[in-house]
Amino acid sequence: MTGAFSLPNDYWQSIQVTPQDVENLHTYLFEREMPLTTRELASEFIETRVRLERQASEKKQKSLGRAFLPKETYTAGEEVVFPALNWRQGRVKSVRAGVNPAVNDFDVLTVEMDDSTEHLFAARLSSHMLNDAPLEKPEDTDIKPAAVIAEYGASIEKKLESALDADDGLVKIAGRWFPRALLIDINQGQMNLAEAVLDMSGGEPLATEALIKDIELPAGVNPKLAEFSLNYALQDDDRFDEVGPAGQVLWCLRRLEPDYVRDVPAPLRYVEVPHDRDLLTPPMKALEAQLDDELTPPGELDPREDISSLTITLIYPHLRAGTLPMSARARKLFPTAYESPRVRFTLVDGKTKQRIPAWVVRDNGYVFGLREWYKMHQLIPGSLVQVRKGENLGEVIVEAKTQRASKDWVRTVMVGTDGGLVFAMLKQPITAEFNDRMVIHVPDFKALDPVWEKKRPFEDLVVQVMRELSKSNPQGHVHAQELYAGVNLVRRTPPAPLFALLASNPIFKHVGDLHFRLDEEAV
């Protein structure tokens, strides 16, 4: 019989993955013959650890001595443990006959406990409640792997990933692990056939099952094993790119991926501006978070926060490149992947149900594929676009806040004869709702290209844009949000370096509520 089993309070926080743990997982994968995720292996890891710790505890309890039961007979010198006393240990010093007219023959044991105190116990009692007391821990208090994963899963998985990565006997594809020794050999001819199939798809990614049909694998092979083996071979070949969202493996030929997926579009390339984030005031940080710029550090976003929709204000660089920013919040709406830096998915127009092939470029924080959609809806910098979770895996709903076309007075940018920017309030056709502070109509995108290419000091650029923007305001003030939209017409800039400059340089005078005035004398 075994006693109540428990683990130290910090057991799962401080746990380390040992070589024996990895070997146990090897055996488990061999037995299952099925690729498993780190989360699935974590469950097995926890179950095995609990079983081994329980066995070790039982072995230790047995080594302490015989479990005391009143009905048993004991002799002097015998080591005994007492389940009813939280498994305290003792040694029988003496045994004498008990005297009680109400009880037949019984023994009285004098036991020296592990703390050197002596206690008397009755033995050889055929009738006693402790004879029938359960000595095992009730089943409903067992340690459940699901409960451990819910609380410590992220930490355990991270440690498991590190240990499994270091093991040459395991391979990982799309977040799943498998023993290398079980893989089927995929030859070069079969790889060439896979390339031909993907070539015929014209850049449309295909699932592994679709490729297996045409590469002539040996008959009778375990389908899961065949699929994983082909995935491993494709992953190891530079011609192929795994572009499926987490939970779905899709393959594409790298050479057929759009240019703006393989390389960051010129309008989105940010040349870092040195700045001190500590200069940002609380209102500046609040505005920075509101702007959802993909170049803004994640900050203190709660990873458990559920975001079902987000309204994004387009800035010129994204409109020009046909992309959407994938800020820390927006990432929760778009498909991700276990390893792939590029993820192919489908955008669905919330109104027309049009399906748009699109790409998540994870490393650079943007979504590509919206250029024609922007043109169709005649969106301008400052237009509002709503993004929300799709109904199916690998789908995201996108919707322009469109309205009946009308003309409205909006800030319009033109390029002067000297190559500088000129802002004027002009009547322009408006087809969608917009952010009042960030709307800037650009009549000719190509006219801005030469201005974009000019190399100039960041401060000089901000001064020039602010000077021109202030002319359309009777007070000569410019809001930080307006300046952010204006500077991004000619240079990709996240909010932080701009706001830090406004906060630190005396030529920018704060006049309240994030409005600034240019001190021309100081300039």
Protein backbone atom coordinates (compact mmCIF):
# COMPACT_ATOMS: atom_id res chain seq x y z
CA MET A 1 0.00 0.00 0.00
CA THR A 2 1.11 3.53 -0.65
CA GLY A 3 0.67 6.81 1.18
CA ALA A 4 -0.55 10.20 0.09
CA PHE A 5 1.62 11.40 -2.78
CA SER A 6 2.52 15.02 -3.49
CA LEU A 7 5.26 17.04 -5.15
CA PRO A 8 7.10 20.11 -3.81
CA ASN A 9 5.31 23.41 -4.48
CA ASP A 10 8.03 24.62 -6.88
CA TYR A 11 8.46 21.25 -8.63
CA TRP A 12 7.09 22.31 -12.03
CA GLN A 13 8.62 25.80 -11.98
CA SER A 14 12.13 24.47 -11.34
CA ILE A 15 11.89 21.24 -13.35
CA GLN A 16 14.73 20.44 -15.76
CA VAL A 17 14.50 18.10 -18.75
CA THR A 18 17.02 15.27 -18.32
CA PRO A 19 18.54 12.96 -20.96
CA GLN A 20 16.37 10.19 -19.49
CA ASP A 21 13.26 12.33 -20.12
CA VAL A 22 14.28 12.77 -23.77
CA GLU A 23 14.93 9.02 -24.09
CA ASN A 24 11.47 8.31 -22.65
CA LEU A 25 9.92 10.63 -25.26
CA HIS A 26 11.94 8.87 -27.98
CA THR A 27 10.36 5.58 -26.91
CA TYR A 28 6.91 7.16 -26.82
CA LEU A 29 7.30 8.50 -30.38
CA PHE A 30 8.56 5.13 -31.63
CA GLU A 31 5.55 3.40 -30.11
CA ARG A 32 3.04 5.90 -31.49
CA GLU A 33 4.63 6.16 -34.96
CA MET A 34 2.98 9.55 -35.26
CA PRO A 35 4.51 13.07 -35.29
CA LEU A 36 3.51 15.00 -32.14
CA THR A 37 3.62 18.64 -31.10
CA THR A 38 5.63 19.90 -28.16
CA ARG A 39 2.36 20.39 -26.26
CA GLU A 40 1.39 16.75 -26.84
CA LEU A 41 4.85 15.58 -25.76
CA ALA A 42 4.60 17.83 -22.69
CA SER A 43 1.53 15.88 -21.56
CA GLU A 44 3.43 12.60 -21.88
CA PHE A 45 6.47 14.15 -20.15
CA ILE A 46 4.31 15.24 -17.19
CA GLU A 47 2.50 11.89 -16.94
CA THR A 48 5.81 9.99 -16.98
CA ARG A 49 7.38 12.30 -14.42
CA VAL A 50 4.42 11.94 -12.06
CA ARG A 51 4.48 8.13 -12.43
CA LEU A 52 8.22 7.95 -11.76
CA GLU A 53 8.01 10.32 -8.80
CA ARG A 54 5.11 8.30 -7.39
CA GLN A 55 7.09 5.07 -7.78
CA ALA A 56 10.09 6.67 -6.08
CA SER A 57 7.86 7.87 -3.25
CA GLU A 58 6.35 4.40 -2.79
CA LYS A 59 9.79 2.82 -2.79
CA LYS A 60 10.97 5.30 -0.18
CA GLN A 61 7.92 4.67 1.98
CA LYS A 62 8.49 0.93 1.83
CA SER A 63 12.12 1.40 2.81
CA LEU A 64 11.03 3.27 5.92
CA GLY A 65 9.33 0.18 7.32
CA ARG A 66 6.12 -1.75 7.56
CA ALA A 67 2.87 0.25 7.53
CA PHE A 68 1.15 0.05 10.93
CA LEU A 69 -2.24 -1.68 11.09
CA PRO A 70 -3.82 -2.48 14.51
CA LYS A 71 -4.72 -6.05 13.43
CA GLU A 72 -1.10 -7.02 12.71
CA THR A 73 1.48 -8.52 15.10
CA TYR A 74 4.78 -6.68 15.70
CA THR A 75 8.08 -7.54 17.40
CA ALA A 76 10.62 -5.44 19.25
CA GLY A 77 13.18 -3.76 17.01
CA GLU A 78 10.86 -3.64 14.01
CA GLU A 79 10.73 -0.43 11.92
CA VAL A 80 7.16 0.82 11.43
CA VAL A 81 5.54 3.77 9.62
CA PHE A 82 2.18 5.24 10.64
CA PRO A 83 -0.12 6.28 7.74
CA ALA A 84 -2.60 7.90 10.14
CA LEU A 85 0.20 10.14 11.49
CA ASN A 86 1.24 11.48 8.07
CA TRP A 87 3.60 8.53 7.58
CA ARG A 88 5.83 9.27 10.54
CA GLN A 89 8.44 6.61 11.24
CA GLY A 90 9.12 4.73 14.48
CA ARG A 91 10.87 1.69 15.97
CA VAL A 92 9.14 -0.83 18.26
CA LYS A 93 11.08 -0.77 21.59
CA SER A 94 9.00 -3.31 23.44
CA VAL A 95 5.87 -5.46 23.23
CA ARG A 96 3.74 -6.48 26.22
CA ALA A 97 0.34 -8.05 26.71
CA GLY A 98 -2.50 -5.60 27.01
CA VAL A 99 -5.08 -5.80 29.83
CA ASN A 100 -8.66 -4.73 29.15
CA PRO A 101 -11.69 -6.85 30.17
CA ALA A 102 -13.67 -5.47 27.24
CA VAL A 103 -11.10 -6.63 24.69
CA ASN A 104 -9.73 -10.06 24.02
CA ASP A 105 -5.99 -10.65 23.82
CA PHE A 106 -4.03 -7.74 22.36
CA ASP A 107 -0.53 -6.27 22.52
CA VAL A 108 0.70 -2.88 23.67
CA LEU A 109 3.62 -1.55 21.66
CA THR A 110 6.06 1.03 22.98
CA VAL A 111 7.31 2.86 19.90
CA GLU A 112 10.15 5.38 19.74
CA MET A 113 9.19 7.88 17.06
CA ASP A 114 11.56 9.64 14.67
CA ASP A 115 11.60 12.70 16.95
CA SER A 116 12.77 10.50 19.91
CA THR A 117 9.41 10.69 21.71
CA GLU A 118 7.77 7.47 22.86
CA HIS A 119 4.15 6.51 22.17
CA LEU A 120 1.96 3.49 23.01
CA PHE A 121 0.00 1.67 20.32
CA ALA A 122 -2.38 -1.29 20.52
CA ALA A 123 -1.76 -4.24 18.15
CA ARG A 124 -3.36 -7.63 17.44
CA LEU A 125 -6.79 -5.95 17.44
CA SER A 126 -9.05 -7.74 15.00
CA SER A 127 -11.62 -4.95 15.15
CA HIS A 128 -10.41 -1.38 14.71
CA MET A 129 -11.38 1.40 12.29
CA LEU A 130 -7.79 1.88 11.14
CA ASN A 131 -7.72 -1.70 9.88
CA ASP A 132 -10.04 -0.65 7.05
CA ALA A 133 -8.80 2.93 6.51
CA PRO A 134 -7.67 3.55 2.91
CA LEU A 135 -3.94 4.11 2.74
CA GLU A 136 -3.81 5.24 -0.86
CA LYS A 137 -4.34 8.79 -2.04
CA PRO A 138 -7.88 9.24 -3.49
CA GLU A 139 -7.98 9.19 -7.29
CA ASP A 140 -9.64 12.58 -7.60
CA THR A 141 -6.63 14.28 -6.02
CA ASP A 142 -4.14 12.82 -8.53
CA ILE A 143 -1.91 15.25 -10.40
CA LYS A 144 -3.56 15.90 -13.78
CA PRO A 145 -1.30 16.76 -16.77
CA ALA A 146 -3.95 19.14 -18.16
CA ALA A 147 -3.94 21.16 -14.93
CA VAL A 148 -0.14 21.31 -14.89
CA ILE A 149 -0.05 22.44 -18.54
CA ALA A 150 -2.70 25.10 -17.89
CA GLU A 151 -0.49 26.67 -15.22
CA TYR A 152 3.08 25.85 -16.25
CA GLY A 153 2.72 24.75 -19.89
CA ALA A 154 4.59 27.63 -21.51
CA SER A 155 7.65 27.20 -19.28
CA ILE A 156 7.69 23.39 -19.62
CA GLU A 157 7.28 23.53 -23.41
CA LYS A 158 10.15 26.01 -23.71
CA LYS A 159 12.46 23.70 -21.76
CA LEU A 160 11.28 20.68 -23.77
CA GLU A 161 11.87 22.52 -27.08
CA SER A 162 15.43 23.29 -26.04
CA ALA A 163 16.16 19.69 -25.01
CA LEU A 164 14.53 18.16 -28.10
CA ASP A 165 16.30 20.62 -30.43
CA ALA A 166 19.63 19.45 -29.04
CA ASP A 167 18.83 15.80 -29.83
CA ASP A 168 20.08 14.70 -33.26
CA GLY A 169 17.76 11.69 -33.18
CA LEU A 170 14.65 13.87 -33.52
CA VAL A 171 13.48 16.11 -36.34
CA LYS A 172 10.86 18.85 -36.20
CA ILE A 173 8.58 20.09 -38.97
CA ALA A 174 5.67 22.52 -38.62
CA GLY A 175 5.80 22.21 -34.85
CA ARG A 176 5.76 18.36 -34.76
CA TRP A 177 8.53 15.99 -33.64
CA PHE A 178 9.44 12.57 -34.99
CA PRO A 179 12.37 10.11 -34.69
CA ARG A 180 14.81 10.55 -37.56
CA ALA A 181 15.35 6.77 -37.74
CA LEU A 182 11.73 6.18 -38.83
CA LEU A 183 11.78 8.58 -41.77
CA ILE A 184 11.26 7.24 -45.28
CA ASP A 185 13.96 8.11 -47.79
CA ILE A 186 12.77 10.64 -50.38
CA ASN A 187 15.02 10.66 -53.46
CA GLN A 188 15.91 13.52 -55.78
CA GLY A 189 13.57 12.32 -58.52
CA GLN A 190 10.63 12.50 -56.13
CA MET A 191 11.66 16.01 -55.07
CA ASN A 192 11.74 17.10 -58.70
CA LEU A 193 8.24 15.71 -59.18
CA ALA A 194 7.08 17.75 -56.16
CA GLU A 195 8.60 20.87 -57.73
CA ALA A 196 6.80 20.18 -61.01
CA VAL A 197 3.45 19.80 -59.22
CA LEU A 198 3.92 23.10 -57.39
CA ASP A 199 5.05 24.76 -60.60
CA MET A 200 1.82 23.73 -62.27
CA SER A 201 -0.16 25.23 -59.38
CA GLY A 202 1.15 28.65 -60.47
CA GLY A 203 2.24 29.80 -57.02
CA GLU A 204 -0.83 28.52 -55.20
CA PRO A 205 0.41 26.60 -52.12
CA LEU A 206 -0.50 22.92 -51.86
CA ALA A 207 -0.91 20.59 -48.89
CA THR A 208 1.50 17.68 -48.49
CA GLU A 209 -1.29 15.18 -49.24
CA ALA A 210 -1.69 16.73 -52.69
CA LEU A 211 2.03 16.27 -53.42
CA ILE A 212 2.18 12.68 -52.16
CA LYS A 213 -0.25 11.57 -54.86
CA ASP A 214 2.26 12.39 -57.59
CA ILE A 215 5.65 11.40 -56.18
CA GLU A 216 5.20 7.59 -56.16
CA LEU A 217 6.01 6.56 -52.59
CA PRO A 218 6.24 2.81 -51.77
CA ALA A 219 2.87 1.10 -51.27
CA GLY A 220 1.73 0.21 -47.78
CA VAL A 221 3.61 3.02 -46.04
CA ASN A 222 1.95 4.57 -42.97
CA PRO A 223 0.29 7.73 -44.43
CA LYS A 224 1.32 9.90 -41.46
CA LEU A 225 4.89 8.63 -41.72
CA ALA A 226 4.94 9.29 -45.48
CA GLU A 227 3.58 12.81 -45.00
CA PHE A 228 6.11 13.68 -42.31
CA SER A 229 9.01 12.22 -44.30
CA LEU A 230 8.10 14.29 -47.35
CA ASN A 231 7.69 17.39 -45.21
CA TYR A 232 11.17 16.84 -43.79
CA ALA A 233 12.71 16.43 -47.25
CA LEU A 234 10.94 19.55 -48.58
CA GLN A 235 12.01 21.58 -45.56
CA ASP A 236 15.62 20.65 -46.23
CA ASP A 237 15.47 21.85 -49.86
CA ASP A 238 15.85 25.59 -50.59
CA ARG A 239 13.45 25.39 -53.52
CA PHE A 240 10.49 24.90 -51.21
CA ASP A 241 8.90 27.12 -48.57
CA GLU A 242 6.43 25.94 -45.92
CA VAL A 243 3.82 28.70 -45.72
CA GLY A 244 0.85 27.18 -43.87
CA PRO A 245 -0.70 28.68 -40.73
CA ALA A 246 -0.16 26.83 -37.44
CA GLY A 247 -1.88 23.47 -37.65
CA GLN A 248 -1.80 23.35 -41.47
CA VAL A 249 1.21 22.48 -43.69
CA LEU A 250 1.26 24.15 -47.11
CA TRP A 251 4.15 24.18 -49.58
CA CYS A 252 5.08 26.80 -52.17
CA LEU A 253 8.03 27.35 -54.49
CA ARG A 254 10.13 30.26 -53.23
CA ARG A 255 10.65 31.58 -56.75
CA LEU A 256 6.88 31.87 -57.24
CA GLU A 257 6.29 33.93 -54.09
CA PRO A 258 5.51 37.63 -54.68
CA ASP A 259 8.47 40.02 -54.55
CA TYR A 260 7.00 41.95 -51.61
CA VAL A 261 6.74 38.72 -49.62
CA ARG A 262 10.38 37.74 -50.10
CA ASP A 263 11.67 41.32 -49.73
CA VAL A 264 10.30 44.21 -47.69
CA PRO A 265 8.65 46.82 -49.98
CA ALA A 266 10.63 50.06 -50.23
CA PRO A 267 7.88 52.18 -48.57
CA LEU A 268 8.01 49.95 -45.46
CA ARG A 269 11.79 49.96 -44.99
CA TYR A 270 12.69 51.77 -41.81
CA VAL A 271 16.18 53.20 -41.34
CA GLU A 272 16.45 53.35 -37.56
CA VAL A 273 16.45 56.78 -35.96
CA PRO A 274 18.33 56.74 -32.61
CA HIS A 275 16.01 57.86 -29.82
CA ASP A 276 15.30 57.48 -26.11
CA ARG A 277 11.90 55.93 -25.36
CA ASP A 278 12.08 57.29 -21.81
CA LEU A 279 11.43 60.75 -23.26
CA LEU A 280 7.89 59.77 -24.28
CA THR A 281 5.23 61.18 -21.96
CA PRO A 282 2.24 59.05 -20.86
CA PRO A 283 -0.06 60.75 -23.43
CA MET A 284 2.54 60.05 -26.14
CA LYS A 285 2.72 56.38 -25.14
CA ALA A 286 -1.08 56.17 -25.17
CA LEU A 287 -1.17 57.61 -28.71
CA GLU A 288 1.64 55.30 -29.79
CA ALA A 289 -0.39 52.27 -28.65
CA GLN A 290 -3.49 53.62 -30.43
CA LEU A 291 -1.66 54.01 -33.75
CA ASP A 292 -0.90 50.26 -34.01
CA ASP A 293 2.34 50.77 -35.92
CA GLU A 294 4.04 47.44 -36.66
CA LEU A 295 7.45 48.95 -35.76
CA THR A 296 6.35 49.78 -32.21
CA PRO A 297 7.73 47.30 -29.60
CA PRO A 298 5.05 44.96 -28.18
CA GLY A 299 5.09 46.66 -24.77
CA GLU A 300 2.86 45.25 -22.04
CA LEU A 301 0.14 43.68 -24.15
CA ASP A 302 -1.56 40.88 -22.18
CA PRO A 303 -0.92 37.66 -24.17
CA ARG A 304 -4.25 36.30 -22.87
CA GLU A 305 -6.25 39.29 -24.13
CA ASP A 306 -8.74 38.20 -26.76
CA ILE A 307 -8.95 40.60 -29.70
CA SER A 308 -11.72 39.80 -32.15
CA SER A 309 -11.55 42.93 -34.31
CA LEU A 310 -9.41 46.00 -34.87
CA THR A 311 -9.87 49.21 -36.86
CA ILE A 312 -6.65 50.32 -38.55
CA THR A 313 -5.96 53.79 -39.92
CA LEU A 314 -3.95 53.43 -43.13
CA ILE A 315 -0.77 55.44 -43.46
CA TYR A 316 0.74 56.20 -46.86
CA PRO A 317 3.55 53.56 -46.84
CA HIS A 318 1.07 50.72 -46.36
CA LEU A 319 -1.36 52.11 -48.92
CA ARG A 320 1.50 52.48 -51.42
CA ALA A 321 2.79 48.94 -50.82
CA GLY A 322 -0.64 47.28 -50.66
CA THR A 323 -0.04 46.08 -47.12
CA LEU A 324 -1.55 46.21 -43.64
CA PRO A 325 0.49 46.78 -40.47
CA MET A 326 0.68 43.78 -38.17
CA SER A 327 1.09 45.41 -34.78
CA ALA A 328 1.28 43.49 -31.51
CA ARG A 329 -2.53 43.62 -31.25
CA ALA A 330 -3.16 42.89 -34.94
CA ARG A 331 -0.99 39.75 -34.77
CA LYS A 332 -3.76 38.14 -32.71
CA LEU A 333 -6.10 38.39 -35.70
CA PHE A 334 -3.82 37.02 -38.40
CA PRO A 335 -2.64 33.41 -38.87
CA THR A 336 0.72 32.56 -37.40
CA ALA A 337 2.98 29.53 -37.86
CA TYR A 338 5.23 27.33 -35.76
CA GLU A 339 8.34 28.17 -37.74
CA SER A 340 7.58 29.65 -41.16
CA PRO A 341 8.45 33.36 -41.56
CA ARG A 342 5.83 33.66 -44.33
CA VAL A 343 2.24 32.45 -44.04
CA ARG A 344 -0.18 32.17 -46.94
CA PHE A 345 -3.83 32.76 -46.04
CA THR A 346 -7.05 34.27 -47.41
CA LEU A 347 -8.57 37.69 -46.76
CA VAL A 348 -12.35 37.84 -47.18
CA ASP A 349 -14.08 41.15 -47.95
CA GLY A 350 -16.68 41.54 -45.20
CA LYS A 351 -19.20 43.13 -47.58
CA THR A 352 -18.68 41.57 -51.00
CA LYS A 353 -17.24 38.21 -49.76
CA GLN A 354 -14.45 38.59 -52.33
CA ARG A 355 -11.57 36.22 -51.49
CA ILE A 356 -8.11 37.78 -51.65
CA PRO A 357 -4.91 35.70 -51.58
CA ALA A 358 -2.65 37.29 -48.97
CA TRP A 359 0.55 36.71 -47.02
CA VAL A 360 1.61 37.32 -43.44
CA VAL A 361 5.29 38.33 -43.36
CA ARG A 362 5.90 37.58 -39.70
CA ASP A 363 9.49 38.78 -39.29
CA ASN A 364 8.73 42.22 -40.72
CA GLY A 365 5.24 42.66 -39.31
CA TYR A 366 3.05 43.25 -42.32
CA VAL A 367 0.33 41.60 -44.42
CA PHE A 368 0.73 41.75 -48.21
CA GLY A 369 -1.89 41.40 -50.94
CA LEU A 370 -4.22 44.40 -50.72
CA ARG A 371 -3.00 46.73 -53.48
CA GLU A 372 -5.83 46.01 -55.92
CA TRP A 373 -8.38 45.97 -53.10
CA TYR A 374 -7.26 49.42 -51.99
CA LYS A 375 -7.58 50.69 -55.56
CA MET A 376 -11.03 49.16 -55.96
CA HIS A 377 -12.31 50.97 -52.85
CA GLN A 378 -10.38 54.19 -53.72
CA LEU A 379 -8.86 54.37 -50.24
CA ILE A 380 -6.54 57.21 -49.28
CA PRO A 381 -4.05 57.71 -46.42
CA GLY A 382 -6.15 58.05 -43.28
CA SER A 383 -8.93 55.69 -44.47
CA LEU A 384 -10.29 53.26 -41.86
CA VAL A 385 -10.03 49.51 -42.42
CA GLN A 386 -11.58 47.01 -40.05
CA VAL A 387 -9.97 43.60 -39.57
CA ARG A 388 -11.67 40.78 -37.69
CA LYS A 389 -11.32 37.06 -37.14
CA GLY A 390 -12.51 34.84 -39.96
CA GLU A 391 -15.02 32.04 -39.70
CA ASN A 392 -12.62 29.38 -41.02
CA LEU A 393 -9.01 28.40 -40.36
CA GLY A 394 -6.64 30.46 -42.51
CA GLU A 395 -9.20 33.22 -43.20
CA VAL A 396 -9.38 36.82 -41.94
CA ILE A 397 -12.19 39.28 -42.69
CA VAL A 398 -11.21 42.74 -43.94
CA GLU A 399 -13.69 45.55 -44.52
CA ALA A 400 -13.29 49.13 -45.71
CA LYS A 401 -15.53 51.60 -43.90
CA THR A 402 -16.97 52.62 -47.26
CA GLN A 403 -19.70 55.18 -47.84
CA ARG A 404 -21.46 56.71 -50.84
CA ALA A 405 -18.91 58.69 -52.85
CA SER A 406 -18.98 62.40 -52.13
CA LYS A 407 -16.62 65.36 -52.20
CA ASP A 408 -15.21 66.69 -48.96
CA TRP A 409 -12.60 69.22 -47.88
CA VAL A 410 -9.50 67.26 -46.84
CA ARG A 411 -5.81 67.99 -46.49
CA THR A 412 -4.13 67.30 -49.84
CA VAL A 413 -0.40 66.96 -50.51
CA MET A 414 1.40 68.15 -53.62
CA VAL A 415 5.06 68.37 -54.57
CA GLY A 416 6.27 71.93 -55.17
CA THR A 417 8.63 73.04 -57.92
CA ASP A 418 11.46 73.00 -55.39
CA GLY A 419 10.77 69.35 -54.57
CA GLY A 420 9.24 70.17 -51.18
CA LEU A 421 5.81 69.17 -49.87
CA VAL A 422 2.87 71.54 -50.03
CA PHE A 423 -0.35 70.92 -48.07
CA ALA A 424 -3.67 72.50 -48.96
CA MET A 425 -7.32 71.97 -48.03
CA LEU A 426 -9.02 70.90 -51.25
CA LYS A 427 -12.27 69.18 -52.16
CA GLN A 428 -11.58 65.56 -52.98
CA PRO A 429 -13.76 62.49 -53.76
CA ILE A 430 -14.18 60.49 -50.55
CA THR A 431 -15.41 56.88 -50.61
CA ALA A 432 -14.66 55.71 -47.08
CA GLU A 433 -14.62 56.90 -43.48
CA PHE A 434 -11.33 58.37 -42.36
CA ASN A 435 -9.37 59.55 -39.34
CA ASP A 436 -9.67 63.37 -39.26
CA ARG A 437 -6.13 63.90 -38.00
CA MET A 438 -4.44 61.44 -40.35
CA VAL A 439 -6.27 61.88 -43.63
CA ILE A 440 -4.07 63.21 -46.44
CA HIS A 441 -5.21 62.90 -50.04
CA VAL A 442 -2.36 62.01 -52.42
CA PRO A 443 -3.42 62.83 -56.01
CA ASP A 444 -0.34 61.17 -57.54
CA PHE A 445 1.63 58.48 -55.73
CA LYS A 446 4.44 58.57 -58.27
CA ALA A 447 4.95 62.30 -57.72
CA LEU A 448 5.99 61.52 -54.14
CA ASP A 449 8.61 58.96 -55.14
CA PRO A 450 11.43 61.45 -55.85
CA VAL A 451 10.73 63.19 -52.53
CA TRP A 452 10.77 59.81 -50.75
CA GLU A 453 14.18 59.02 -52.16
CA LYS A 454 15.81 62.21 -50.86
CA LYS A 455 18.28 61.64 -48.04
CA ARG A 456 18.06 64.31 -45.38
CA PRO A 457 18.56 64.54 -41.59
CA PHE A 458 15.48 63.36 -39.68
CA GLU A 459 15.12 66.58 -37.72
CA ASP A 460 15.23 68.68 -40.91
CA LEU A 461 12.50 66.53 -42.43
CA VAL A 462 10.26 66.89 -39.37
CA VAL A 463 10.77 70.67 -39.33
CA GLN A 464 9.88 70.95 -43.03
CA VAL A 465 6.72 68.80 -42.72
CA MET A 466 5.62 70.57 -39.54
CA ARG A 467 6.13 74.00 -41.11
CA GLU A 468 3.96 73.08 -44.08
CA LEU A 469 1.26 71.40 -41.98
CA SER A 470 1.01 74.38 -39.64
CA LYS A 471 0.07 76.70 -42.50
CA SER A 472 -3.37 75.08 -42.72
CA ASN A 473 -4.07 75.79 -39.03
CA PRO A 474 -4.91 79.41 -38.01
CA GLN A 475 -3.09 78.91 -34.68
CA GLY A 476 -0.05 77.42 -36.38
CA HIS A 477 -0.34 74.25 -34.25
CA VAL A 478 0.17 70.67 -35.40
CA HIS A 479 -0.97 67.59 -33.51
CA ALA A 480 1.60 64.79 -33.04
CA GLN A 481 -0.74 62.40 -34.85
CA GLU A 482 -0.97 64.72 -37.88
CA LEU A 483 2.80 65.02 -37.92
CA TYR A 484 3.20 61.23 -37.79
CA ALA A 485 0.95 60.84 -40.85
CA GLY A 486 2.71 63.70 -42.67
CA VAL A 487 6.28 62.48 -42.07
CA ASN A 488 5.29 59.00 -43.29
CA LEU A 489 4.47 60.47 -46.70
CA VAL A 490 8.18 60.68 -47.43
CA ARG A 491 9.94 58.50 -44.85
CA ARG A 492 8.86 55.35 -43.00
CA THR A 493 8.89 56.36 -39.36
CA PRO A 494 7.28 54.75 -36.30
CA PRO A 495 5.82 57.06 -33.63
CA ALA A 496 8.53 56.74 -30.95
CA PRO A 497 11.48 58.53 -32.64
CA LEU A 498 9.16 61.33 -33.80
CA PHE A 499 7.58 61.78 -30.37
CA ALA A 500 10.99 61.64 -28.65
CA LEU A 501 12.20 64.44 -30.93
CA LEU A 502 9.15 66.57 -30.13
CA ALA A 503 9.71 66.01 -26.41
CA SER A 504 13.44 66.74 -26.39
CA ASN A 505 14.11 69.48 -28.96
CA PRO A 506 13.28 73.03 -27.79
CA ILE A 507 12.35 74.18 -31.31
CA PHE A 508 9.11 72.21 -30.85
CA LYS A 509 6.90 73.96 -28.29
CA HIS A 510 4.19 71.87 -26.65
CA VAL A 511 1.01 73.93 -26.41
CA GLY A 512 -1.17 71.26 -24.79
CA ASP A 513 -2.98 68.02 -25.67
CA LEU A 514 -0.10 66.81 -27.91
CA HIS A 515 -0.32 69.92 -30.10
CA PHE A 516 3.03 71.46 -30.99
CA ARG A 517 4.16 74.77 -32.47
CA LEU A 518 7.40 75.35 -34.37
CA ASP A 519 9.59 78.05 -32.79
CA GLU A 520 10.87 79.65 -36.00
CA GLU A 521 13.33 81.89 -34.14
CA ALA A 522 14.95 78.86 -32.52
CA VAL A 523 15.04 77.10 -35.87
